[in-house]
Amino acid sequence: MKIVLSLLFIALLSATVLAQSPPTLRIVTETPGLPSELFYGDIKVKPLRLRPGTNQVITIDDVDFFVQQQYIDFLGRMPDSQGFANWNTTLNNCPNGGFGEFDNPGCDRVHVSAGFFQSAEFQGRGYFAYRFYEVALDRRPTYAEFVPDMAIVGGPQSPDSEALSKTAYTDAWSQRTEFKNRYDAMSNSAYVNALEANAEVTVTNKQALIDALNGGQMNRGQVLRNIVESQAVGDRFFNRAFVAMQYFGYLRRDPDTIGYDNWVTTLTNDPSNFRHMIFGFLFSNEYRGRFGP
């Protein structure tokens, strides 16, 4: 009897396993025009990259691939030929292949990567989008929110195109559900006061903004942008954004609370110590693990 029951259990187990659909391959593209990622079920498949016409494996230690990845992760675009050539030349001429934290701080991988994060292109667009969340919603954006926002204001754009995309981005903010639920019932005065509280700074032109809203010279999105782009707000949230966008760029995920708080404290206590933070992300097992074993 025990044998029969055992055989029945095995048969039922086998039938259950066979009835399950096998995992499928999924191609995930976060930003059109940039490399996609391949998943087998929920498991990310790490691609094997080979030099064209050879069996030579391409890794994140290779200068050209490393530089290309900085463009993708921080500027949201593929490299332009001139910039790509210049960064390759820079890093190829760094001692020891650019590795190390303090060996050659003027010419290493941390220096090159910092150049992308500190570029006007990234800070003028990525940090622009980041501040809307802090001022409008009193929180930082999630990674899932930041990626599509960067697709709107980032990428290869002329100055005229960038101005148009920032205007469109600003106009769309006042139509976001979270924004409308938070502010639609407020008076113009209460709205500006709320933004000031979120911004954690004194808005020196507050009354002028309220008057502009009451008189119809500005809409709520334009007032939000006016506060977002103030120098005081730019200074206030810089360290927080710096850390958050390290997670977004290098690790492609939301910050963990302990790590985020520790890095913000580190930067707040010593703003010049950003190299140590970049090195920590750049040579972390999690970052390097994105590109191979």
C-alpha atoms as a PDB file:
ATOM      1  CA  MET A   1       0.000   0.000   0.000  1.00  0.00           C
ATOM      2  CA  LYS A   2       2.825   2.384   0.859  1.00  0.00           C
ATOM      3  CA  ILE A   3       4.461   1.651  -2.494  1.00  0.00           C
ATOM      4  CA  VAL A   4       1.237   2.396  -4.381  1.00  0.00           C
ATOM      5  CA  LEU A   5       0.727   5.670  -2.527  1.00  0.00           C
ATOM      6  CA  SER A   6       4.340   6.642  -3.155  1.00  0.00           C
ATOM      7  CA  LEU A   7       3.980   5.898  -6.875  1.00  0.00           C
ATOM      8  CA  LEU A   8       0.763   7.938  -6.973  1.00  0.00           C
ATOM      9  CA  PHE A   9       2.476  10.884  -5.268  1.00  0.00           C
ATOM     10  CA  ILE A  10       5.357  10.742  -7.747  1.00  0.00           C
ATOM     11  CA  ALA A  11       2.939  10.610 -10.674  1.00  0.00           C
ATOM     12  CA  LEU A  12       0.982  13.595  -9.390  1.00  0.00           C
ATOM     13  CA  LEU A  13       4.186  15.546  -8.738  1.00  0.00           C
ATOM     14  CA  SER A  14       5.432  14.789 -12.244  1.00  0.00           C
ATOM     15  CA  ALA A  15       2.134  15.861 -13.770  1.00  0.00           C
ATOM     16  CA  THR A  16       2.269  19.133 -11.827  1.00  0.00           C
ATOM     17  CA  VAL A  17       5.814  19.871 -12.960  1.00  0.00           C
ATOM     18  CA  LEU A  18       5.008  19.048 -16.582  1.00  0.00           C
ATOM     19  CA  ALA A  19       1.898  21.235 -16.448  1.00  0.00           C
ATOM     20  CA  GLN A  20       3.919  24.288 -15.470  1.00  0.00           C
ATOM     21  CA  SER A  21       4.977  26.559 -18.310  1.00  0.00           C
ATOM     22  CA  PRO A  22       8.750  26.742 -18.689  1.00  0.00           C
ATOM     23  CA  PRO A  23      10.359  30.160 -18.135  1.00  0.00           C
ATOM     24  CA  THR A  24      10.390  32.351 -21.209  1.00  0.00           C
ATOM     25  CA  LEU A  25      13.038  34.681 -22.571  1.00  0.00           C
ATOM     26  CA  ARG A  26      12.149  38.343 -22.175  1.00  0.00           C
ATOM     27  CA  ILE A  27      13.868  41.347 -23.714  1.00  0.00           C
ATOM     28  CA  VAL A  28      13.554  44.436 -21.518  1.00  0.00           C
ATOM     29  CA  THR A  29      14.296  47.850 -22.991  1.00  0.00           C
ATOM     30  CA  GLU A  30      14.247  50.713 -20.493  1.00  0.00           C
ATOM     31  CA  THR A  31      15.213  53.431 -22.976  1.00  0.00           C
ATOM     32  CA  PRO A  32      14.644  53.157 -26.747  1.00  0.00           C
ATOM     33  CA  GLY A  33      17.912  53.267 -28.659  1.00  0.00           C
ATOM     34  CA  LEU A  34      19.973  51.874 -25.790  1.00  0.00           C
ATOM     35  CA  PRO A  35      21.043  48.256 -25.200  1.00  0.00           C
ATOM     36  CA  SER A  36      18.306  45.963 -23.917  1.00  0.00           C
ATOM     37  CA  GLU A  37      18.563  43.355 -21.167  1.00  0.00           C
ATOM     38  CA  LEU A  38      17.661  39.689 -21.520  1.00  0.00           C
ATOM     39  CA  PHE A  39      15.793  37.762 -18.814  1.00  0.00           C
ATOM     40  CA  TYR A  40      15.070  34.034 -18.567  1.00  0.00           C
ATOM     41  CA  GLY A  41      11.984  34.144 -16.419  1.00  0.00           C
ATOM     42  CA  ASP A  42      13.013  36.487 -13.605  1.00  0.00           C
ATOM     43  CA  ILE A  43      16.723  35.727 -13.950  1.00  0.00           C
ATOM     44  CA  LYS A  44      18.853  38.290 -15.773  1.00  0.00           C
ATOM     45  CA  VAL A  45      21.033  36.708 -18.450  1.00  0.00           C
ATOM     46  CA  LYS A  46      24.486  38.266 -18.632  1.00  0.00           C
ATOM     47  CA  PRO A  47      25.571  38.467 -22.258  1.00  0.00           C
ATOM     48  CA  LEU A  48      28.919  37.249 -23.529  1.00  0.00           C
ATOM     49  CA  ARG A  49      30.419  40.114 -25.506  1.00  0.00           C
ATOM     50  CA  LEU A  50      33.132  39.343 -28.046  1.00  0.00           C
ATOM     51  CA  ARG A  51      35.329  41.608 -30.132  1.00  0.00           C
ATOM     52  CA  PRO A  52      34.079  41.445 -33.733  1.00  0.00           C
ATOM     53  CA  GLY A  53      35.808  38.661 -35.633  1.00  0.00           C
ATOM     54  CA  THR A  54      37.594  37.323 -32.533  1.00  0.00           C
ATOM     55  CA  ASN A  55      37.023  35.203 -29.443  1.00  0.00           C
ATOM     56  CA  GLN A  56      38.250  38.026 -27.200  1.00  0.00           C
ATOM     57  CA  VAL A  57      35.737  38.712 -24.418  1.00  0.00           C
ATOM     58  CA  ILE A  58      34.775  42.333 -23.754  1.00  0.00           C
ATOM     59  CA  THR A  59      34.542  43.248 -20.052  1.00  0.00           C
ATOM     60  CA  ILE A  60      33.897  46.348 -17.969  1.00  0.00           C
ATOM     61  CA  ASP A  61      37.680  46.546 -17.463  1.00  0.00           C
ATOM     62  CA  ASP A  62      38.103  47.398 -21.167  1.00  0.00           C
ATOM     63  CA  VAL A  63      38.503  51.130 -21.671  1.00  0.00           C
ATOM     64  CA  ASP A  64      36.144  51.527 -24.625  1.00  0.00           C
ATOM     65  CA  PHE A  65      33.349  49.482 -23.060  1.00  0.00           C
ATOM     66  CA  PHE A  66      33.778  51.285 -19.731  1.00  0.00           C
ATOM     67  CA  VAL A  67      33.526  54.691 -21.413  1.00  0.00           C
ATOM     68  CA  GLN A  68      30.510  53.659 -23.469  1.00  0.00           C
ATOM     69  CA  GLN A  69      28.758  52.497 -20.316  1.00  0.00           C
ATOM     70  CA  GLN A  70      29.239  55.900 -18.683  1.00  0.00           C
ATOM     71  CA  TYR A  71      27.361  57.503 -21.572  1.00  0.00           C
ATOM     72  CA  ILE A  72      24.548  54.971 -21.285  1.00  0.00           C
ATOM     73  CA  ASP A  73      24.220  55.046 -17.493  1.00  0.00           C
ATOM     74  CA  PHE A  74      24.530  58.789 -16.886  1.00  0.00           C
ATOM     75  CA  LEU A  75      23.636  60.577 -20.108  1.00  0.00           C
ATOM     76  CA  GLY A  76      21.020  58.127 -21.325  1.00  0.00           C
ATOM     77  CA  ARG A  77      22.498  57.913 -24.819  1.00  0.00           C
ATOM     78  CA  MET A  78      25.132  56.234 -26.918  1.00  0.00           C
ATOM     79  CA  PRO A  79      28.456  58.086 -27.233  1.00  0.00           C
ATOM     80  CA  ASP A  80      29.079  60.807 -29.758  1.00  0.00           C
ATOM     81  CA  SER A  81      32.204  60.027 -31.783  1.00  0.00           C
ATOM     82  CA  GLN A  82      34.308  62.988 -30.636  1.00  0.00           C
ATOM     83  CA  GLY A  83      33.512  62.688 -26.947  1.00  0.00           C
ATOM     84  CA  PHE A  84      33.987  58.925 -27.067  1.00  0.00           C
ATOM     85  CA  ALA A  85      37.403  59.284 -28.707  1.00  0.00           C
ATOM     86  CA  ASN A  86      38.515  61.936 -26.212  1.00  0.00           C
ATOM     87  CA  TRP A  87      37.519  59.925 -23.140  1.00  0.00           C
ATOM     88  CA  ASN A  88      39.144  56.798 -24.566  1.00  0.00           C
ATOM     89  CA  THR A  89      42.360  58.699 -25.166  1.00  0.00           C
ATOM     90  CA  THR A  90      42.257  60.125 -21.645  1.00  0.00           C
ATOM     91  CA  LEU A  91      41.758  56.785 -19.932  1.00  0.00           C
ATOM     92  CA  ASN A  92      44.170  54.878 -22.166  1.00  0.00           C
ATOM     93  CA  ASN A  93      46.895  57.298 -21.088  1.00  0.00           C
ATOM     94  CA  CYS A  94      46.166  56.957 -17.369  1.00  0.00           C
ATOM     95  CA  PRO A  95      48.737  54.991 -15.329  1.00  0.00           C
ATOM     96  CA  ASN A  96      47.820  51.436 -14.360  1.00  0.00           C
ATOM     97  CA  GLY A  97      44.831  51.395 -16.707  1.00  0.00           C
ATOM     98  CA  GLY A  98      43.090  53.949 -14.506  1.00  0.00           C
ATOM     99  CA  PHE A  99      42.567  51.532 -11.613  1.00  0.00           C
ATOM    100  CA  GLY A 100      42.945  52.493  -7.946  1.00  0.00           C
ATOM    101  CA  GLU A 101      41.382  55.114  -5.704  1.00  0.00           C
ATOM    102  CA  PHE A 102      44.238  57.420  -4.748  1.00  0.00           C
ATOM    103  CA  ASP A 103      47.112  56.424  -7.043  1.00  0.00           C
ATOM    104  CA  ASN A 104      46.401  58.962  -9.813  1.00  0.00           C
ATOM    105  CA  PRO A 105      43.330  61.014  -8.874  1.00  0.00           C
ATOM    106  CA  GLY A 106      43.758  63.330 -11.858  1.00  0.00           C
ATOM    107  CA  CYS A 107      43.732  60.455 -14.335  1.00  0.00           C
ATOM    108  CA  ASP A 108      41.854  57.311 -13.389  1.00  0.00           C
ATOM    109  CA  ARG A 109      38.492  55.622 -13.802  1.00  0.00           C
ATOM    110  CA  VAL A 110      36.959  57.529 -10.903  1.00  0.00           C
ATOM    111  CA  HIS A 111      38.014  60.809 -12.537  1.00  0.00           C
ATOM    112  CA  VAL A 112      36.511  59.778 -15.882  1.00  0.00           C
ATOM    113  CA  SER A 113      33.250  58.553 -14.353  1.00  0.00           C
ATOM    114  CA  ALA A 114      32.971  61.681 -12.206  1.00  0.00           C
ATOM    115  CA  GLY A 115      33.295  63.706 -15.387  1.00  0.00           C
ATOM    116  CA  PHE A 116      30.040  62.248 -16.638  1.00  0.00           C
ATOM    117  CA  PHE A 117      28.157  62.715 -13.394  1.00  0.00           C
ATOM    118  CA  GLN A 118      29.449  66.264 -12.983  1.00  0.00           C
ATOM    119  CA  SER A 119      28.817  67.192 -16.613  1.00  0.00           C
ATOM    120  CA  ALA A 120      26.438  70.005 -17.481  1.00  0.00           C
ATOM    121  CA  GLU A 121      24.487  67.520 -19.577  1.00  0.00           C
ATOM    122  CA  PHE A 122      23.739  65.203 -16.674  1.00  0.00           C
ATOM    123  CA  GLN A 123      23.331  67.751 -13.899  1.00  0.00           C
ATOM    124  CA  GLY A 124      21.479  70.160 -16.137  1.00  0.00           C
ATOM    125  CA  ARG A 125      18.941  67.465 -16.997  1.00  0.00           C
ATOM    126  CA  GLY A 126      19.069  64.644 -14.467  1.00  0.00           C
ATOM    127  CA  TYR A 127      19.323  66.944 -11.466  1.00  0.00           C
ATOM    128  CA  PHE A 128      16.692  69.184 -13.045  1.00  0.00           C
ATOM    129  CA  ALA A 129      14.217  66.269 -13.065  1.00  0.00           C
ATOM    130  CA  TYR A 130      15.267  65.093  -9.605  1.00  0.00           C
ATOM    131  CA  ARG A 131      14.445  68.431  -7.955  1.00  0.00           C
ATOM    132  CA  PHE A 132      10.840  68.392  -9.177  1.00  0.00           C
ATOM    133  CA  TYR A 133      10.149  65.429  -6.911  1.00  0.00           C
ATOM    134  CA  GLU A 134      11.737  67.013  -3.860  1.00  0.00           C
ATOM    135  CA  VAL A 135       9.965  70.359  -4.301  1.00  0.00           C
ATOM    136  CA  ALA A 136       6.602  69.096  -5.580  1.00  0.00           C
ATOM    137  CA  LEU A 137       6.217  65.855  -3.653  1.00  0.00           C
ATOM    138  CA  ASP A 138       8.648  66.173  -0.744  1.00  0.00           C
ATOM    139  CA  ARG A 139      10.491  62.986  -1.722  1.00  0.00           C
ATOM    140  CA  ARG A 140      13.159  61.781  -4.104  1.00  0.00           C
ATOM    141  CA  PRO A 141      12.147  59.970  -7.304  1.00  0.00           C
ATOM    142  CA  THR A 142      12.277  56.216  -7.571  1.00  0.00           C
ATOM    143  CA  TYR A 143      14.485  54.586 -10.174  1.00  0.00           C
ATOM    144  CA  ALA A 144      11.369  53.540 -12.111  1.00  0.00           C
ATOM    145  CA  GLU A 145      10.267  57.200 -12.216  1.00  0.00           C
ATOM    146  CA  PHE A 146      13.679  58.632 -12.998  1.00  0.00           C
ATOM    147  CA  VAL A 147      14.370  56.514 -16.102  1.00  0.00           C
ATOM    148  CA  PRO A 148      11.391  57.741 -18.165  1.00  0.00           C
ATOM    149  CA  ASP A 149      11.937  61.298 -16.934  1.00  0.00           C
ATOM    150  CA  MET A 150      15.511  61.194 -18.217  1.00  0.00           C
ATOM    151  CA  ALA A 151      14.169  59.925 -21.524  1.00  0.00           C
ATOM    152  CA  ILE A 152      12.180  63.172 -21.780  1.00  0.00           C
ATOM    153  CA  VAL A 153      14.822  65.688 -20.738  1.00  0.00           C
ATOM    154  CA  GLY A 154      17.997  63.694 -21.449  1.00  0.00           C
ATOM    155  CA  GLY A 155      19.592  62.192 -24.524  1.00  0.00           C
ATOM    156  CA  PRO A 156      21.203  63.948 -27.494  1.00  0.00           C
ATOM    157  CA  GLN A 157      19.526  67.345 -27.785  1.00  0.00           C
ATOM    158  CA  SER A 158      20.330  70.763 -29.175  1.00  0.00           C
ATOM    159  CA  PRO A 159      19.906  73.723 -26.804  1.00  0.00           C
ATOM    160  CA  ASP A 160      16.591  74.558 -28.478  1.00  0.00           C
ATOM    161  CA  SER A 161      15.396  70.973 -28.188  1.00  0.00           C
ATOM    162  CA  GLU A 162      16.430  70.822 -24.526  1.00  0.00           C
ATOM    163  CA  ALA A 163      14.483  74.005 -23.800  1.00  0.00           C
ATOM    164  CA  LEU A 164      11.378  72.552 -25.439  1.00  0.00           C
ATOM    165  CA  SER A 165      11.692  69.233 -23.610  1.00  0.00           C
ATOM    166  CA  LYS A 166      12.073  70.975 -20.246  1.00  0.00           C
ATOM    167  CA  THR A 167       8.987  73.071 -20.973  1.00  0.00           C
ATOM    168  CA  ALA A 168       7.007  69.969 -21.895  1.00  0.00           C
ATOM    169  CA  TYR A 169       8.279  68.197 -18.779  1.00  0.00           C
ATOM    170  CA  THR A 170       7.237  71.141 -16.597  1.00  0.00           C
ATOM    171  CA  ASP A 171       3.781  71.382 -18.156  1.00  0.00           C
ATOM    172  CA  ALA A 172       3.186  67.657 -17.665  1.00  0.00           C
ATOM    173  CA  TRP A 173       4.008  67.850 -13.957  1.00  0.00           C
ATOM    174  CA  SER A 174       0.876  69.805 -13.115  1.00  0.00           C
ATOM    175  CA  GLN A 175      -1.177  67.022 -14.724  1.00  0.00           C
ATOM    176  CA  ARG A 176       0.343  64.162 -12.747  1.00  0.00           C
ATOM    177  CA  THR A 177      -2.161  62.399 -10.528  1.00  0.00           C
ATOM    178  CA  GLU A 178      -0.027  62.586  -7.387  1.00  0.00           C
ATOM    179  CA  PHE A 179       0.509  66.298  -7.952  1.00  0.00           C
ATOM    180  CA  LYS A 180      -3.170  67.047  -8.609  1.00  0.00           C
ATOM    181  CA  ASN A 181      -4.352  65.046  -5.605  1.00  0.00           C
ATOM    182  CA  ARG A 182      -1.946  66.963  -3.417  1.00  0.00           C
ATOM    183  CA  TYR A 183      -2.571  70.527  -4.617  1.00  0.00           C
ATOM    184  CA  ASP A 184      -5.773  70.973  -6.642  1.00  0.00           C
ATOM    185  CA  ALA A 185      -7.831  71.872  -3.580  1.00  0.00           C
ATOM    186  CA  MET A 186      -5.284  74.408  -2.326  1.00  0.00           C
ATOM    187  CA  SER A 187      -5.364  78.157  -2.861  1.00  0.00           C
ATOM    188  CA  ASN A 188      -2.481  79.688  -4.801  1.00  0.00           C
ATOM    189  CA  SER A 189      -1.004  81.061  -1.589  1.00  0.00           C
ATOM    190  CA  ALA A 190      -1.206  77.691   0.176  1.00  0.00           C
ATOM    191  CA  TYR A 191       0.319  76.016  -2.894  1.00  0.00           C
ATOM    192  CA  VAL A 192       3.398  78.225  -2.930  1.00  0.00           C
ATOM    193  CA  ASN A 193       3.779  77.909   0.836  1.00  0.00           C
ATOM    194  CA  ALA A 194       3.675  74.121   0.503  1.00  0.00           C
ATOM    195  CA  LEU A 195       6.352  74.151  -2.186  1.00  0.00           C
ATOM    196  CA  GLU A 196       8.513  76.368  -0.007  1.00  0.00           C
ATOM    197  CA  ALA A 197       8.170  73.935   2.901  1.00  0.00           C
ATOM    198  CA  ASN A 198       9.108  70.996   0.668  1.00  0.00           C
ATOM    199  CA  ALA A 199      12.079  72.902  -0.739  1.00  0.00           C
ATOM    200  CA  GLU A 200      13.456  73.485   2.764  1.00  0.00           C
ATOM    201  CA  VAL A 201      14.611  76.976   1.762  1.00  0.00           C
ATOM    202  CA  THR A 202      13.223  80.494   1.897  1.00  0.00           C
ATOM    203  CA  VAL A 203      11.632  81.385  -1.446  1.00  0.00           C
ATOM    204  CA  THR A 204      12.666  85.026  -1.735  1.00  0.00           C
ATOM    205  CA  ASN A 205      10.197  85.815  -4.546  1.00  0.00           C
ATOM    206  CA  LYS A 206       7.277  83.984  -2.924  1.00  0.00           C
ATOM    207  CA  GLN A 207       4.814  86.868  -2.985  1.00  0.00           C
ATOM    208  CA  ALA A 208       5.650  87.642  -6.603  1.00  0.00           C
ATOM    209  CA  LEU A 209       4.905  84.017  -7.534  1.00  0.00           C
ATOM    210  CA  ILE A 210       1.590  84.082  -5.675  1.00  0.00           C
ATOM    211  CA  ASP A 211       0.648  87.333  -7.405  1.00  0.00           C
ATOM    212  CA  ALA A 212       1.606  85.862 -10.791  1.00  0.00           C
ATOM    213  CA  LEU A 213      -0.654  82.866 -10.151  1.00  0.00           C
ATOM    214  CA  ASN A 214      -3.546  85.050  -9.013  1.00  0.00           C
ATOM    215  CA  GLY A 215      -3.131  87.309 -12.037  1.00  0.00           C
ATOM    216  CA  GLY A 216      -2.813  84.459 -14.533  1.00  0.00           C
ATOM    217  CA  GLN A 217       0.724  85.408 -15.623  1.00  0.00           C
ATOM    218  CA  MET A 218       2.081  82.015 -14.496  1.00  0.00           C
ATOM    219  CA  ASN A 219       0.574  78.558 -14.041  1.00  0.00           C
ATOM    220  CA  ARG A 220       1.387  76.145 -11.242  1.00  0.00           C
ATOM    221  CA  GLY A 221       3.882  74.172 -13.294  1.00  0.00           C
ATOM    222  CA  GLN A 222       5.825  77.341 -14.122  1.00  0.00           C
ATOM    223  CA  VAL A 223       5.888  78.383 -10.478  1.00  0.00           C
ATOM    224  CA  LEU A 224       7.141  74.941  -9.530  1.00  0.00           C
ATOM    225  CA  ARG A 225       9.934  75.195 -12.079  1.00  0.00           C
ATOM    226  CA  ASN A 226      10.861  78.684 -10.909  1.00  0.00           C
ATOM    227  CA  ILE A 227      11.464  77.335  -7.408  1.00  0.00           C
ATOM    228  CA  VAL A 228      13.121  74.140  -8.658  1.00  0.00           C
ATOM    229  CA  GLU A 229      15.697  76.089 -10.666  1.00  0.00           C
ATOM    230  CA  SER A 230      16.591  78.520  -7.889  1.00  0.00           C
ATOM    231  CA  GLN A 231      20.162  78.415  -6.656  1.00  0.00           C
ATOM    232  CA  ALA A 232      19.001  77.810  -3.100  1.00  0.00           C
ATOM    233  CA  VAL A 233      17.159  74.622  -4.087  1.00  0.00           C
ATOM    234  CA  GLY A 234      20.066  73.516  -6.258  1.00  0.00           C
ATOM    235  CA  ASP A 235      22.394  73.799  -3.281  1.00  0.00           C
ATOM    236  CA  ARG A 236      19.929  72.251  -0.841  1.00  0.00           C
ATOM    237  CA  PHE A 237      19.404  68.913  -2.544  1.00  0.00           C
ATOM    238  CA  PHE A 238      22.708  68.439  -4.318  1.00  0.00           C
ATOM    239  CA  ASN A 239      24.220  65.880  -1.933  1.00  0.00           C
ATOM    240  CA  ARG A 240      21.010  63.870  -1.711  1.00  0.00           C
ATOM    241  CA  ALA A 241      20.662  63.818  -5.475  1.00  0.00           C
ATOM    242  CA  PHE A 242      24.350  62.998  -5.919  1.00  0.00           C
ATOM    243  CA  VAL A 243      23.942  59.860  -3.804  1.00  0.00           C
ATOM    244  CA  ALA A 244      20.563  58.816  -5.208  1.00  0.00           C
ATOM    245  CA  MET A 245      21.767  59.139  -8.772  1.00  0.00           C
ATOM    246  CA  GLN A 246      24.824  57.031  -8.001  1.00  0.00           C
ATOM    247  CA  TYR A 247      22.385  54.220  -7.242  1.00  0.00           C
ATOM    248  CA  PHE A 248      20.325  55.024 -10.334  1.00  0.00           C
ATOM    249  CA  GLY A 249      23.348  55.197 -12.639  1.00  0.00           C
ATOM    250  CA  TYR A 250      25.730  52.522 -11.359  1.00  0.00           C
ATOM    251  CA  LEU A 251      23.380  50.003  -9.777  1.00  0.00           C
ATOM    252  CA  ARG A 252      20.173  50.724 -11.729  1.00  0.00           C
ATOM    253  CA  ARG A 253      17.981  50.499  -8.645  1.00  0.00           C
ATOM    254  CA  ASP A 254      16.524  52.455  -5.738  1.00  0.00           C
ATOM    255  CA  PRO A 255      18.872  53.234  -2.843  1.00  0.00           C
ATOM    256  CA  ASP A 256      18.841  51.046   0.238  1.00  0.00           C
ATOM    257  CA  THR A 257      18.167  53.182   3.303  1.00  0.00           C
ATOM    258  CA  ILE A 258      21.325  52.455   5.300  1.00  0.00           C
ATOM    259  CA  GLY A 259      23.702  52.854   2.389  1.00  0.00           C
ATOM    260  CA  TYR A 260      21.978  56.007   1.166  1.00  0.00           C
ATOM    261  CA  ASP A 261      21.981  57.661   4.589  1.00  0.00           C
ATOM    262  CA  ASN A 262      25.634  56.765   5.171  1.00  0.00           C
ATOM    263  CA  TRP A 263      26.754  58.239   1.854  1.00  0.00           C
ATOM    264  CA  VAL A 264      24.699  61.416   2.341  1.00  0.00           C
ATOM    265  CA  THR A 265      26.272  61.851   5.784  1.00  0.00           C
ATOM    266  CA  THR A 266      29.723  61.273   4.315  1.00  0.00           C
ATOM    267  CA  LEU A 267      29.207  63.933   1.641  1.00  0.00           C
ATOM    268  CA  THR A 268      27.579  66.390   4.023  1.00  0.00           C
ATOM    269  CA  ASN A 269      30.515  66.122   6.413  1.00  0.00           C
ATOM    270  CA  ASP A 270      33.080  66.345   3.626  1.00  0.00           C
ATOM    271  CA  PRO A 271      31.740  67.418   0.198  1.00  0.00           C
ATOM    272  CA  SER A 272      35.196  66.991  -1.319  1.00  0.00           C
ATOM    273  CA  ASN A 273      35.110  63.265  -0.537  1.00  0.00           C
ATOM    274  CA  PHE A 274      32.922  62.389  -3.527  1.00  0.00           C
ATOM    275  CA  ARG A 275      35.760  60.385  -5.101  1.00  0.00           C
ATOM    276  CA  HIS A 276      35.569  57.828  -2.324  1.00  0.00           C
ATOM    277  CA  MET A 277      31.858  57.373  -2.946  1.00  0.00           C
ATOM    278  CA  ILE A 278      32.267  56.996  -6.717  1.00  0.00           C
ATOM    279  CA  PHE A 279      35.064  54.489  -6.169  1.00  0.00           C
ATOM    280  CA  GLY A 280      32.812  52.534  -3.821  1.00  0.00           C
ATOM    281  CA  PHE A 281      30.085  52.217  -6.450  1.00  0.00           C
ATOM    282  CA  LEU A 282      32.377  51.788  -9.428  1.00  0.00           C
ATOM    283  CA  PHE A 283      34.321  48.876  -7.974  1.00  0.00           C
ATOM    284  CA  SER A 284      31.490  47.275  -6.016  1.00  0.00           C
ATOM    285  CA  ASN A 285      30.656  43.656  -6.737  1.00  0.00           C
ATOM    286  CA  GLU A 286      27.099  44.705  -7.553  1.00  0.00           C
ATOM    287  CA  TYR A 287      28.183  47.159 -10.253  1.00  0.00           C
ATOM    288  CA  ARG A 288      30.793  44.893 -11.788  1.00  0.00           C
ATOM    289  CA  GLY A 289      28.352  41.995 -11.600  1.00  0.00           C
ATOM    290  CA  ARG A 290      26.073  43.778 -14.082  1.00  0.00           C
ATOM    291  CA  PHE A 291      28.522  43.018 -16.852  1.00  0.00           C
ATOM    292  CA  GLY A 292      29.732  39.504 -16.177  1.00  0.00           C
ATOM    293  CA  PRO A 293      30.671  36.945 -13.555  1.00  0.00           C
END
